[in-house]
Every structure is written in structure tokens, then in C-alpha cells.
Amino acid sequence: MSIVESTEPATTVPESSTDRRRLGLSVAAILAAALIWSSSFAVTKVTLAEIPPMTIGAMRFVLAAVVLGLMVRTRRDKRLPSPRQRLLIGFAGLLGITVYFALENVGVDWATASDATLIVASYPIITLVLEIPCGRARFSVVRFVGMLVAVAGVWLVVRGQTGSGGEHHLWGDLILIAGGVIWAVYNLVAQRDDSGASPIVITYYQTLAGAGGFVLLSLFEADRWSVPSGGNLVRIGFLAALCSVVAFLLYNYGLRRLEPSVAVNLLNIVPVAGLGWAVLLAGETLGLPQVLGGAVVIVGVTLGSYRKSNTHVAKDG
């Protein structure tokens, strides 16, 4: 059975308070994940001065897989996905962890910072474009306008950023767009999971597959390996524990009850939260355009999360 939007009064039933509460928890989980992820770029950028990008990914996600594996072993609920279901979950992990983060690292490195942020802000639209032909969502004018408003707000936030993309600028933009397609496909694949396993178990198998992919990619950087400093080990631990374990657990929990395009649209709060980190940690100040842009992003995210208050139950065809 699945819940789909409908405008037919004869078959609609009011959304219960329990459904609304669960939806609210899902939105809160995605926003919490976004808040955590908003701090990862600055941490990763500092770490890149000593450790190459694919090696950072390998260290980060191998450590995260170990932590999640220990959490799974200590759970009372020992239900595990079937081998077929593990393959689907693992495939999602390769897409959402290995392929996406590899493309993001290269794209952000080659493109300008403002280009990267604006392209990432367009990911909800890319996701919606893929959702509709797959029958996973219906086109909503309000939701689409909300996504465009969020992109406009992100532009206001980052328009003061400068930087020359160099000769790789265009390639960086194209790689980031490809990353958006991969992230959209990851969301669609991850939501197809029917194992009934907990978010911890699902995140564990995704992370295990993603870590394996990064280990293979990191072998191409073996000639650049060195013993990392204590500070960078702490940063890797932060990326693994919070940005990989906690954030992905929250995101996978929220993705269970939200359409992928809605979940991805909520991530547009990342540049706004990033401004907050810059003020708190780096002592930066905010200008009026940035404050206004943050407000516009919040309005766009709210509109992009619009859903009808009535639902009806329909059998999967």
C-alpha cells in the first residue's frame, strides 16, 4: 500500500494528528542533517591541505562503517535485510556516498564557490524532474515555485563570493550538475527499500558499500599518503561520527515519509546554516543581502515542502 496525493473528495480521508506529527519529525530530521552537513565543507577544506580527497572519503566512511557496525550488533532488534535487499541498499550507498561525494569534491574544487552553491541549490528541481516520470510525485506549481524561490535566496546569500574557476570552471559546473543527478537517483533508489529494517541498519549497509568504493578510489592517491596530524585525525573523526553517522541516520529517517524532492529541497537550508557557522566559528559578519537571502531561502523551503492536507490510500499497481 502507498499514500499518494489526491483531489477526489469521495476517497479522501483527513490526515491524522499522528501523521502530521510523524511528518513534522521527518522534516525536523532532514533539517538537523542539513545543519550538520553545513559544517562539513569547512572541515573538509582544512583537512585537504594534508590528506587527498578520496583518502579523506575512505578514512571518513570506513570509520563511520565501524561505528555503525557496532551499533547494529548491540541492537535488540536483529532483523536484517535479505541478500537482495542488501544489494539494493548497497547500490544506494555507492551512489549517494562514493559517486556523489567524489563528484562533489572534484566539482567544488574546480568551480567557483558561488557556482557550486547555486548548482547544489538546484538539486531539488533535478530530483522533481526525475520523480515525475517515475510516478513518485505529481507536479505541484506551489512546490516548484518554492524551489525556485529557494534558489533565488541562495543566490542572495552567495552572490558576494568571488573566485576564478580557472580553465576547469565549466567542467566543475558540469560535474556538479552530474552530482545532482546522482543525488536524485540515490534518493529514488533509497526510498525503494522495502526491507522494513531500521534506519541504523540501512545506513550501515549504505555506508559499508560507500566506504568500499572510496577505499578503491583512494588507492590512486597512494603516492600522496602520509601520517596525518592529530588535528586532522580529530577532523576525520568529526566527519565520520557527525557528518556520516548522525547526519545520514537523520536523513534516512526523514526520507521514509517525505518525497525525495521535498527532502532535497530542505537541504537548501545548508548555505544559510553555513553562514551561522561562519559567524560563530570565524567571527564573520553578515550583510543585509545575506540576511534577506536567508529569509528568502526559508520561505522557499517552506513552499517547496507544501503537501495537500488530504490523502487517500491506493494500491500499488
C-alpha atoms as a PDB file:
ATOM      1  CA  MET A   1       0.000   0.000   0.000  1.00  0.00           C
ATOM      2  CA  SER A   2       1.172   3.569  -0.596  1.00  0.00           C
ATOM      3  CA  ILE A   3      -0.072   7.044   0.226  1.00  0.00           C
ATOM      4  CA  VAL A   4      -0.492   9.357  -2.767  1.00  0.00           C
ATOM      5  CA  GLU A   5      -1.915  12.842  -3.162  1.00  0.00           C
ATOM      6  CA  SER A   6      -5.449  13.148  -4.480  1.00  0.00           C
ATOM      7  CA  THR A   7      -8.070  15.775  -5.135  1.00  0.00           C
ATOM      8  CA  GLU A   8     -11.026  13.356  -5.239  1.00  0.00           C
ATOM      9  CA  PRO A   9     -13.298  14.084  -2.228  1.00  0.00           C
ATOM     10  CA  ALA A  10     -15.026  10.714  -2.358  1.00  0.00           C
ATOM     11  CA  THR A  11     -11.850   8.829  -1.496  1.00  0.00           C
ATOM     12  CA  THR A  12     -10.023  11.273   0.755  1.00  0.00           C
ATOM     13  CA  VAL A  13      -9.625  10.930   4.490  1.00  0.00           C
ATOM     14  CA  PRO A  14      -8.341  13.632   6.817  1.00  0.00           C
ATOM     15  CA  GLU A  15      -4.726  13.450   7.766  1.00  0.00           C
ATOM     16  CA  SER A  16      -4.500  12.331  11.392  1.00  0.00           C
ATOM     17  CA  SER A  17      -2.599  14.188  14.085  1.00  0.00           C
ATOM     18  CA  THR A  18      -0.229  11.210  14.273  1.00  0.00           C
ATOM     19  CA  ASP A  19       0.546  11.543  10.556  1.00  0.00           C
ATOM     20  CA  ARG A  20       1.193  15.257  10.964  1.00  0.00           C
ATOM     21  CA  ARG A  21       3.457  14.618  13.935  1.00  0.00           C
ATOM     22  CA  ARG A  22       5.440  12.000  12.015  1.00  0.00           C
ATOM     23  CA  LEU A  23       5.719  14.354   9.061  1.00  0.00           C
ATOM     24  CA  GLY A  24       6.968  17.083  11.383  1.00  0.00           C
ATOM     25  CA  LEU A  25       9.580  14.733  12.837  1.00  0.00           C
ATOM     26  CA  SER A  26      10.711  13.809   9.315  1.00  0.00           C
ATOM     27  CA  VAL A  27      11.117  17.471   8.359  1.00  0.00           C
ATOM     28  CA  ALA A  28      12.992  18.141  11.615  1.00  0.00           C
ATOM     29  CA  ALA A  29      15.304  15.177  10.952  1.00  0.00           C
ATOM     30  CA  ILE A  30      16.187  16.435   7.451  1.00  0.00           C
ATOM     31  CA  LEU A  31      16.807  19.959   8.776  1.00  0.00           C
ATOM     32  CA  ALA A  32      19.042  18.582  11.530  1.00  0.00           C
ATOM     33  CA  ALA A  33      21.021  16.620   8.938  1.00  0.00           C
ATOM     34  CA  ALA A  34      21.364  19.797   6.854  1.00  0.00           C
ATOM     35  CA  LEU A  35      22.643  21.711   9.886  1.00  0.00           C
ATOM     36  CA  ILE A  36      25.323  19.075  10.465  1.00  0.00           C
ATOM     37  CA  TRP A  37      26.292  18.844   6.792  1.00  0.00           C
ATOM     38  CA  SER A  38      26.625  22.632   6.610  1.00  0.00           C
ATOM     39  CA  SER A  39      29.747  22.373   8.777  1.00  0.00           C
ATOM     40  CA  SER A  40      31.407  19.599   6.758  1.00  0.00           C
ATOM     41  CA  PHE A  41      32.725  21.691   3.858  1.00  0.00           C
ATOM     42  CA  ALA A  42      34.886  23.939   6.061  1.00  0.00           C
ATOM     43  CA  VAL A  43      36.228  20.944   7.982  1.00  0.00           C
ATOM     44  CA  THR A  44      36.966  19.021   4.786  1.00  0.00           C
ATOM     45  CA  LYS A  45      38.669  22.026   3.170  1.00  0.00           C
ATOM     46  CA  VAL A  46      41.108  22.353   6.083  1.00  0.00           C
ATOM     47  CA  THR A  47      41.824  18.609   6.007  1.00  0.00           C
ATOM     48  CA  LEU A  48      42.507  18.697   2.236  1.00  0.00           C
ATOM     49  CA  ALA A  49      45.703  20.628   2.897  1.00  0.00           C
ATOM     50  CA  GLU A  50      47.292  17.402   4.161  1.00  0.00           C
ATOM     51  CA  ILE A  51      45.103  14.489   3.023  1.00  0.00           C
ATOM     52  CA  PRO A  52      43.941  13.957  -0.598  1.00  0.00           C
ATOM     53  CA  PRO A  53      40.160  13.960  -1.248  1.00  0.00           C
ATOM     54  CA  MET A  54      39.480  10.271  -1.958  1.00  0.00           C
ATOM     55  CA  THR A  55      41.626   9.266   1.009  1.00  0.00           C
ATOM     56  CA  ILE A  56      39.586  11.583   3.233  1.00  0.00           C
ATOM     57  CA  GLY A  57      36.454   9.858   1.955  1.00  0.00           C
ATOM     58  CA  ALA A  58      37.926   6.410   2.629  1.00  0.00           C
ATOM     59  CA  MET A  59      39.029   7.281   6.168  1.00  0.00           C
ATOM     60  CA  ARG A  60      35.766   9.048   6.946  1.00  0.00           C
ATOM     61  CA  PHE A  61      33.397   6.334   5.762  1.00  0.00           C
ATOM     62  CA  VAL A  62      35.446   3.332   6.918  1.00  0.00           C
ATOM     63  CA  LEU A  63      35.411   4.776  10.437  1.00  0.00           C
ATOM     64  CA  ALA A  64      31.686   5.524  10.090  1.00  0.00           C
ATOM     65  CA  ALA A  65      31.035   1.932   8.952  1.00  0.00           C
ATOM     66  CA  VAL A  66      32.859   0.603  12.029  1.00  0.00           C
ATOM     67  CA  VAL A  67      30.774   2.809  14.348  1.00  0.00           C
ATOM     68  CA  LEU A  68      27.520   1.819  12.640  1.00  0.00           C
ATOM     69  CA  GLY A  69      28.524  -1.871  12.671  1.00  0.00           C
ATOM     70  CA  LEU A  70      28.979  -1.719  16.450  1.00  0.00           C
ATOM     71  CA  MET A  71      25.592  -0.006  16.783  1.00  0.00           C
ATOM     72  CA  VAL A  72      23.906  -2.727  14.698  1.00  0.00           C
ATOM     73  CA  ARG A  73      25.487  -5.520  16.746  1.00  0.00           C
ATOM     74  CA  THR A  74      24.226  -4.047  20.017  1.00  0.00           C
ATOM     75  CA  ARG A  75      20.642  -3.606  18.823  1.00  0.00           C
ATOM     76  CA  ARG A  76      17.943  -5.802  20.322  1.00  0.00           C
ATOM     77  CA  ASP A  77      16.094  -5.886  17.012  1.00  0.00           C
ATOM     78  CA  LYS A  78      18.270  -8.216  14.928  1.00  0.00           C
ATOM     79  CA  ARG A  79      16.139  -8.091  11.768  1.00  0.00           C
ATOM     80  CA  LEU A  80      18.445  -7.723   8.798  1.00  0.00           C
ATOM     81  CA  PRO A  81      17.618  -7.148   5.123  1.00  0.00           C
ATOM     82  CA  SER A  82      17.642 -10.132   2.775  1.00  0.00           C
ATOM     83  CA  PRO A  83      20.618 -10.544   0.396  1.00  0.00           C
ATOM     84  CA  ARG A  84      18.572  -8.979  -2.430  1.00  0.00           C
ATOM     85  CA  GLN A  85      17.575  -6.059  -0.246  1.00  0.00           C
ATOM     86  CA  ARG A  86      21.200  -5.601   0.874  1.00  0.00           C
ATOM     87  CA  LEU A  87      22.249  -5.312  -2.767  1.00  0.00           C
ATOM     88  CA  LEU A  88      19.714  -2.524  -3.329  1.00  0.00           C
ATOM     89  CA  ILE A  89      20.787  -0.729  -0.147  1.00  0.00           C
ATOM     90  CA  GLY A  90      24.452  -1.163  -1.059  1.00  0.00           C
ATOM     91  CA  PHE A  91      23.825   0.190  -4.556  1.00  0.00           C
ATOM     92  CA  ALA A  92      22.193   3.248  -2.998  1.00  0.00           C
ATOM     93  CA  GLY A  93      25.270   3.655  -0.790  1.00  0.00           C
ATOM     94  CA  LEU A  94      27.628   3.538  -3.770  1.00  0.00           C
ATOM     95  CA  LEU A  95      25.554   6.239  -5.479  1.00  0.00           C
ATOM     96  CA  GLY A  96      24.904   8.527  -2.511  1.00  0.00           C
ATOM     97  CA  ILE A  97      28.282   8.153  -0.819  1.00  0.00           C
ATOM     98  CA  THR A  98      31.050   7.119  -3.216  1.00  0.00           C
ATOM     99  CA  VAL A  99      29.904   8.563  -6.540  1.00  0.00           C
ATOM    100  CA  TYR A 100      28.163  11.668  -5.198  1.00  0.00           C
ATOM    101  CA  PHE A 101      30.858  12.777  -2.749  1.00  0.00           C
ATOM    102  CA  ALA A 102      33.620  12.045  -5.269  1.00  0.00           C
ATOM    103  CA  LEU A 103      31.863  14.246  -7.865  1.00  0.00           C
ATOM    104  CA  GLU A 104      31.141  16.930  -5.275  1.00  0.00           C
ATOM    105  CA  ASN A 105      34.768  17.087  -4.104  1.00  0.00           C
ATOM    106  CA  VAL A 106      36.083  17.477  -7.651  1.00  0.00           C
ATOM    107  CA  GLY A 107      33.310  19.855  -8.744  1.00  0.00           C
ATOM    108  CA  VAL A 108      33.708  22.176  -5.751  1.00  0.00           C
ATOM    109  CA  ASP A 109      37.478  22.178  -6.305  1.00  0.00           C
ATOM    110  CA  TRP A 110      37.152  23.190  -9.982  1.00  0.00           C
ATOM    111  CA  ALA A 111      34.116  25.515  -9.912  1.00  0.00           C
ATOM    112  CA  THR A 112      33.758  28.804  -8.085  1.00  0.00           C
ATOM    113  CA  ALA A 113      32.214  28.696  -4.620  1.00  0.00           C
ATOM    114  CA  SER A 114      29.139  30.653  -5.754  1.00  0.00           C
ATOM    115  CA  ASP A 115      28.613  28.373  -8.765  1.00  0.00           C
ATOM    116  CA  ALA A 116      28.848  25.295  -6.564  1.00  0.00           C
ATOM    117  CA  THR A 117      26.329  26.602  -4.027  1.00  0.00           C
ATOM    118  CA  LEU A 118      23.808  27.681  -6.674  1.00  0.00           C
ATOM    119  CA  ILE A 119      24.051  24.410  -8.599  1.00  0.00           C
ATOM    120  CA  VAL A 120      23.570  22.409  -5.394  1.00  0.00           C
ATOM    121  CA  ALA A 121      20.533  24.613  -4.648  1.00  0.00           C
ATOM    122  CA  SER A 122      19.008  23.441  -7.947  1.00  0.00           C
ATOM    123  CA  TYR A 123      19.171  19.754  -6.922  1.00  0.00           C
ATOM    124  CA  PRO A 124      15.512  19.691  -5.730  1.00  0.00           C
ATOM    125  CA  ILE A 125      14.371  20.680  -9.230  1.00  0.00           C
ATOM    126  CA  ILE A 126      16.552  17.953 -10.770  1.00  0.00           C
ATOM    127  CA  THR A 127      15.057  15.466  -8.301  1.00  0.00           C
ATOM    128  CA  LEU A 128      11.490  16.577  -9.084  1.00  0.00           C
ATOM    129  CA  VAL A 129      12.140  16.224 -12.837  1.00  0.00           C
ATOM    130  CA  LEU A 130      13.209  12.605 -12.267  1.00  0.00           C
ATOM    131  CA  GLU A 131      10.413  11.870  -9.773  1.00  0.00           C
ATOM    132  CA  ILE A 132       7.505  12.779 -12.027  1.00  0.00           C
ATOM    133  CA  PRO A 133       8.162  10.309 -14.905  1.00  0.00           C
ATOM    134  CA  CYS A 134       8.912   7.612 -12.312  1.00  0.00           C
ATOM    135  CA  GLY A 135       5.452   8.148 -10.814  1.00  0.00           C
ATOM    136  CA  ARG A 136       6.901   9.086  -7.433  1.00  0.00           C
ATOM    137  CA  ALA A 137       5.396  12.594  -7.350  1.00  0.00           C
ATOM    138  CA  ARG A 138       2.874  14.829  -9.081  1.00  0.00           C
ATOM    139  CA  PHE A 139       3.791  18.232 -10.393  1.00  0.00           C
ATOM    140  CA  SER A 140       2.839  20.993  -7.964  1.00  0.00           C
ATOM    141  CA  VAL A 141       3.039  24.647  -9.014  1.00  0.00           C
ATOM    142  CA  VAL A 142       3.362  25.782  -5.386  1.00  0.00           C
ATOM    143  CA  ARG A 143       6.183  23.327  -4.710  1.00  0.00           C
ATOM    144  CA  PHE A 144       8.027  24.197  -7.925  1.00  0.00           C
ATOM    145  CA  VAL A 145       7.750  27.945  -7.235  1.00  0.00           C
ATOM    146  CA  GLY A 146       9.046  27.304  -3.723  1.00  0.00           C
ATOM    147  CA  MET A 147      12.109  25.547  -5.129  1.00  0.00           C
ATOM    148  CA  LEU A 148      12.791  28.479  -7.474  1.00  0.00           C
ATOM    149  CA  VAL A 149      12.398  30.929  -4.576  1.00  0.00           C
ATOM    150  CA  ALA A 150      14.895  28.877  -2.530  1.00  0.00           C
ATOM    151  CA  VAL A 151      17.409  29.037  -5.400  1.00  0.00           C
ATOM    152  CA  ALA A 152      16.923  32.820  -5.554  1.00  0.00           C
ATOM    153  CA  GLY A 153      17.531  33.066  -1.816  1.00  0.00           C
ATOM    154  CA  VAL A 154      20.724  31.023  -2.120  1.00  0.00           C
ATOM    155  CA  TRP A 155      21.867  33.424  -4.869  1.00  0.00           C
ATOM    156  CA  LEU A 156      21.372  36.358  -2.494  1.00  0.00           C
ATOM    157  CA  VAL A 157      23.391  34.549   0.169  1.00  0.00           C
ATOM    158  CA  VAL A 158      26.389  33.687  -2.038  1.00  0.00           C
ATOM    159  CA  ARG A 159      26.395  36.473  -4.653  1.00  0.00           C
ATOM    160  CA  GLY A 160      29.219  38.278  -2.867  1.00  0.00           C
ATOM    161  CA  GLN A 161      31.539  35.299  -3.141  1.00  0.00           C
ATOM    162  CA  THR A 162      34.362  35.612  -5.625  1.00  0.00           C
ATOM    163  CA  GLY A 163      36.857  33.296  -7.190  1.00  0.00           C
ATOM    164  CA  SER A 164      38.166  32.399 -10.594  1.00  0.00           C
ATOM    165  CA  GLY A 165      37.241  28.963 -11.721  1.00  0.00           C
ATOM    166  CA  GLY A 166      40.279  28.759 -13.979  1.00  0.00           C
ATOM    167  CA  GLU A 167      40.267  26.614 -17.060  1.00  0.00           C
ATOM    168  CA  HIS A 168      38.377  23.880 -15.229  1.00  0.00           C
ATOM    169  CA  HIS A 169      35.472  26.193 -14.314  1.00  0.00           C
ATOM    170  CA  LEU A 170      32.988  24.831 -16.885  1.00  0.00           C
ATOM    171  CA  TRP A 171      33.970  21.232 -16.169  1.00  0.00           C
ATOM    172  CA  GLY A 172      33.445  21.875 -12.465  1.00  0.00           C
ATOM    173  CA  ASP A 173      29.913  23.152 -13.137  1.00  0.00           C
ATOM    174  CA  LEU A 174      29.114  20.129 -15.325  1.00  0.00           C
ATOM    175  CA  ILE A 175      30.471  17.725 -12.706  1.00  0.00           C
ATOM    176  CA  LEU A 176      28.319  19.378 -10.027  1.00  0.00           C
ATOM    177  CA  ILE A 177      25.236  19.035 -12.243  1.00  0.00           C
ATOM    178  CA  ALA A 178      26.099  15.355 -12.722  1.00  0.00           C
ATOM    179  CA  GLY A 179      26.357  15.113  -8.950  1.00  0.00           C
ATOM    180  CA  GLY A 180      22.815  16.481  -8.680  1.00  0.00           C
ATOM    181  CA  VAL A 181      21.531  13.738 -10.987  1.00  0.00           C
ATOM    182  CA  ILE A 182      23.360  11.104  -8.929  1.00  0.00           C
ATOM    183  CA  TRP A 183      21.956  12.503  -5.661  1.00  0.00           C
ATOM    184  CA  ALA A 184      18.445  12.465  -7.110  1.00  0.00           C
ATOM    185  CA  VAL A 185      18.817   8.846  -8.246  1.00  0.00           C
ATOM    186  CA  TYR A 186      20.214   7.944  -4.810  1.00  0.00           C
ATOM    187  CA  ASN A 187      17.093   9.363  -3.144  1.00  0.00           C
ATOM    188  CA  LEU A 188      14.795   7.462  -5.506  1.00  0.00           C
ATOM    189  CA  VAL A 189      16.696   4.186  -5.030  1.00  0.00           C
ATOM    190  CA  ALA A 190      16.960   4.578  -1.252  1.00  0.00           C
ATOM    191  CA  GLN A 191      13.216   5.173  -0.947  1.00  0.00           C
ATOM    192  CA  ARG A 192      12.500   1.920  -2.806  1.00  0.00           C
ATOM    193  CA  ASP A 193      13.854  -0.078   0.139  1.00  0.00           C
ATOM    194  CA  ASP A 194      11.137  -2.439   1.387  1.00  0.00           C
ATOM    195  CA  SER A 195      13.178  -4.344   3.959  1.00  0.00           C
ATOM    196  CA  GLY A 196      11.482  -2.769   6.979  1.00  0.00           C
ATOM    197  CA  ALA A 197      14.905  -2.529   8.627  1.00  0.00           C
ATOM    198  CA  SER A 198      15.702   0.350  10.970  1.00  0.00           C
ATOM    199  CA  PRO A 199      17.477   3.495   9.715  1.00  0.00           C
ATOM    200  CA  ILE A 200      20.602   2.336  11.587  1.00  0.00           C
ATOM    201  CA  VAL A 201      20.755  -0.949   9.676  1.00  0.00           C
ATOM    202  CA  ILE A 202      20.033   0.716   6.326  1.00  0.00           C
ATOM    203  CA  THR A 203      22.626   3.439   6.943  1.00  0.00           C
ATOM    204  CA  TYR A 204      25.169   0.789   7.954  1.00  0.00           C
ATOM    205  CA  TYR A 205      24.889  -1.152   4.694  1.00  0.00           C
ATOM    206  CA  GLN A 206      24.882   2.061   2.648  1.00  0.00           C
ATOM    207  CA  THR A 207      27.991   3.287   4.449  1.00  0.00           C
ATOM    208  CA  LEU A 208      29.736  -0.079   4.137  1.00  0.00           C
ATOM    209  CA  ALA A 209      29.270  -0.054   0.356  1.00  0.00           C
ATOM    210  CA  GLY A 210      30.247   3.612   0.089  1.00  0.00           C
ATOM    211  CA  ALA A 211      33.372   3.067   2.176  1.00  0.00           C
ATOM    212  CA  GLY A 212      34.409   0.152  -0.038  1.00  0.00           C
ATOM    213  CA  GLY A 213      34.078   2.352  -3.113  1.00  0.00           C
ATOM    214  CA  PHE A 214      36.177   5.108  -1.563  1.00  0.00           C
ATOM    215  CA  VAL A 215      38.888   2.649  -0.485  1.00  0.00           C
ATOM    216  CA  LEU A 216      39.283   1.583  -4.124  1.00  0.00           C
ATOM    217  CA  LEU A 217      39.414   5.214  -5.304  1.00  0.00           C
ATOM    218  CA  SER A 218      41.928   6.153  -2.600  1.00  0.00           C
ATOM    219  CA  LEU A 219      44.430   3.612  -3.984  1.00  0.00           C
ATOM    220  CA  PHE A 220      45.043   6.035  -6.862  1.00  0.00           C
ATOM    221  CA  GLU A 221      46.331   8.527  -4.265  1.00  0.00           C
ATOM    222  CA  ALA A 222      48.702   6.090  -2.531  1.00  0.00           C
ATOM    223  CA  ASP A 223      51.765   8.088  -3.610  1.00  0.00           C
ATOM    224  CA  ARG A 224      50.407  11.073  -1.634  1.00  0.00           C
ATOM    225  CA  TRP A 225      49.745   9.219   1.609  1.00  0.00           C
ATOM    226  CA  SER A 226      51.427  10.373   4.824  1.00  0.00           C
ATOM    227  CA  VAL A 227      50.829  10.083   8.541  1.00  0.00           C
ATOM    228  CA  PRO A 228      48.062  12.625   9.334  1.00  0.00           C
ATOM    229  CA  SER A 229      48.441  15.140  12.138  1.00  0.00           C
ATOM    230  CA  GLY A 230      46.488  14.857  15.358  1.00  0.00           C
ATOM    231  CA  GLY A 231      44.287  17.773  14.360  1.00  0.00           C
ATOM    232  CA  ASN A 232      43.305  16.132  11.085  1.00  0.00           C
ATOM    233  CA  LEU A 233      42.567  12.847  12.853  1.00  0.00           C
ATOM    234  CA  VAL A 234      40.118  14.771  15.044  1.00  0.00           C
ATOM    235  CA  ARG A 235      38.580  16.324  11.925  1.00  0.00           C
ATOM    236  CA  ILE A 236      38.207  12.918  10.279  1.00  0.00           C
ATOM    237  CA  GLY A 237      36.535  11.682  13.466  1.00  0.00           C
ATOM    238  CA  PHE A 238      34.123  14.628  13.341  1.00  0.00           C
ATOM    239  CA  LEU A 239      33.289  13.941   9.682  1.00  0.00           C
ATOM    240  CA  ALA A 240      32.760  10.251  10.412  1.00  0.00           C
ATOM    241  CA  ALA A 241      30.753  10.493  13.641  1.00  0.00           C
ATOM    242  CA  LEU A 242      28.563  13.511  12.944  1.00  0.00           C
ATOM    243  CA  CYS A 243      28.522  14.133   9.186  1.00  0.00           C
ATOM    244  CA  SER A 244      28.461  10.454   8.160  1.00  0.00           C
ATOM    245  CA  VAL A 245      26.772   8.576  11.003  1.00  0.00           C
ATOM    246  CA  VAL A 246      24.406  11.029  12.702  1.00  0.00           C
ATOM    247  CA  ALA A 247      23.507  13.092   9.612  1.00  0.00           C
ATOM    248  CA  PHE A 248      22.857  10.078   7.368  1.00  0.00           C
ATOM    249  CA  LEU A 249      20.772   8.410  10.096  1.00  0.00           C
ATOM    250  CA  LEU A 250      18.647  11.543  10.363  1.00  0.00           C
ATOM    251  CA  TYR A 251      18.364  11.896   6.583  1.00  0.00           C
ATOM    252  CA  ASN A 252      17.370   8.256   6.033  1.00  0.00           C
ATOM    253  CA  TYR A 253      14.780   8.561   8.798  1.00  0.00           C
ATOM    254  CA  GLY A 254      13.270  11.676   7.217  1.00  0.00           C
ATOM    255  CA  LEU A 255      13.368  10.216   3.701  1.00  0.00           C
ATOM    256  CA  ARG A 256      10.962   7.459   4.763  1.00  0.00           C
ATOM    257  CA  ARG A 257       7.990   9.842   4.948  1.00  0.00           C
ATOM    258  CA  LEU A 258       8.943  12.622   2.541  1.00  0.00           C
ATOM    259  CA  GLU A 259       9.087  12.741  -1.231  1.00  0.00           C
ATOM    260  CA  PRO A 260      12.737  12.884  -2.365  1.00  0.00           C
ATOM    261  CA  SER A 261      12.319  16.311  -3.988  1.00  0.00           C
ATOM    262  CA  VAL A 262      10.929  17.695  -0.713  1.00  0.00           C
ATOM    263  CA  ALA A 263      13.780  16.187   1.304  1.00  0.00           C
ATOM    264  CA  VAL A 264      16.397  17.569  -1.087  1.00  0.00           C
ATOM    265  CA  ASN A 265      14.713  20.997  -1.087  1.00  0.00           C
ATOM    266  CA  LEU A 266      15.061  21.153   2.693  1.00  0.00           C
ATOM    267  CA  LEU A 267      18.824  20.851   2.217  1.00  0.00           C
ATOM    268  CA  ASN A 268      18.793  24.389   0.757  1.00  0.00           C
ATOM    269  CA  ILE A 269      18.993  25.489   4.373  1.00  0.00           C
ATOM    270  CA  VAL A 270      22.670  24.384   4.253  1.00  0.00           C
ATOM    271  CA  PRO A 271      24.118  27.690   2.936  1.00  0.00           C
ATOM    272  CA  VAL A 272      22.042  29.616   5.492  1.00  0.00           C
ATOM    273  CA  ALA A 273      23.308  27.389   8.302  1.00  0.00           C
ATOM    274  CA  GLY A 274      26.805  27.747   6.842  1.00  0.00           C
ATOM    275  CA  LEU A 275      26.543  31.499   7.408  1.00  0.00           C
ATOM    276  CA  GLY A 276      25.704  30.809  11.034  1.00  0.00           C
ATOM    277  CA  TRP A 277      28.800  28.619  11.410  1.00  0.00           C
ATOM    278  CA  ALA A 278      30.913  31.357   9.812  1.00  0.00           C
ATOM    279  CA  VAL A 279      29.638  33.901  12.345  1.00  0.00           C
ATOM    280  CA  LEU A 280      30.030  31.609  15.348  1.00  0.00           C
ATOM    281  CA  LEU A 281      33.359  29.974  14.454  1.00  0.00           C
ATOM    282  CA  ALA A 282      35.139  32.505  12.249  1.00  0.00           C
ATOM    283  CA  GLY A 283      33.803  35.769  13.644  1.00  0.00           C
ATOM    284  CA  GLU A 284      32.456  36.880  10.245  1.00  0.00           C
ATOM    285  CA  THR A 285      29.719  39.492   9.968  1.00  0.00           C
ATOM    286  CA  LEU A 286      26.510  39.327   7.946  1.00  0.00           C
ATOM    287  CA  GLY A 287      25.324  41.950   5.475  1.00  0.00           C
ATOM    288  CA  LEU A 288      21.730  42.856   4.697  1.00  0.00           C
ATOM    289  CA  PRO A 289      21.685  40.846   1.400  1.00  0.00           C
ATOM    290  CA  GLN A 290      22.770  37.713   3.244  1.00  0.00           C
ATOM    291  CA  VAL A 291      20.146  38.141   5.961  1.00  0.00           C
ATOM    292  CA  LEU A 292      17.486  38.800   3.307  1.00  0.00           C
ATOM    293  CA  GLY A 293      18.700  35.806   1.293  1.00  0.00           C
ATOM    294  CA  GLY A 294      18.438  33.572   4.334  1.00  0.00           C
ATOM    295  CA  ALA A 295      14.848  34.678   4.880  1.00  0.00           C
ATOM    296  CA  VAL A 296      14.007  34.048   1.206  1.00  0.00           C
ATOM    297  CA  VAL A 297      15.542  30.548   1.416  1.00  0.00           C
ATOM    298  CA  ILE A 298      13.374  29.739   4.429  1.00  0.00           C
ATOM    299  CA  VAL A 299      10.254  30.923   2.560  1.00  0.00           C
ATOM    300  CA  GLY A 300      11.225  28.867  -0.498  1.00  0.00           C
ATOM    301  CA  VAL A 301      11.942  25.767   1.555  1.00  0.00           C
ATOM    302  CA  THR A 302       8.559  26.131   3.262  1.00  0.00           C
ATOM    303  CA  LEU A 303       6.716  26.452  -0.063  1.00  0.00           C
ATOM    304  CA  GLY A 304       8.774  23.605  -1.547  1.00  0.00           C
ATOM    305  CA  SER A 305       7.633  21.361   1.299  1.00  0.00           C
ATOM    306  CA  TYR A 306       3.956  22.029   0.550  1.00  0.00           C
ATOM    307  CA  ARG A 307       1.718  18.992   0.544  1.00  0.00           C
ATOM    308  CA  LYS A 308      -2.042  18.599   0.480  1.00  0.00           C
ATOM    309  CA  SER A 309      -3.718  18.011   3.811  1.00  0.00           C
ATOM    310  CA  ASN A 310      -5.863  15.160   2.488  1.00  0.00           C
ATOM    311  CA  THR A 311      -4.538  11.807   1.335  1.00  0.00           C
ATOM    312  CA  HIS A 312      -6.059   8.581   0.139  1.00  0.00           C
ATOM    313  CA  VAL A 313      -4.843   5.038   0.162  1.00  0.00           C
ATOM    314  CA  ALA A 314      -4.173   3.400  -3.171  1.00  0.00           C
ATOM    315  CA  LYS A 315      -2.844   0.007  -4.094  1.00  0.00           C
ATOM    316  CA  ASP A 316       0.487  -0.169  -5.834  1.00  0.00           C
ATOM    317  CA  GLY A 317      -0.108  -1.059  -9.426  1.00  0.00           C
END
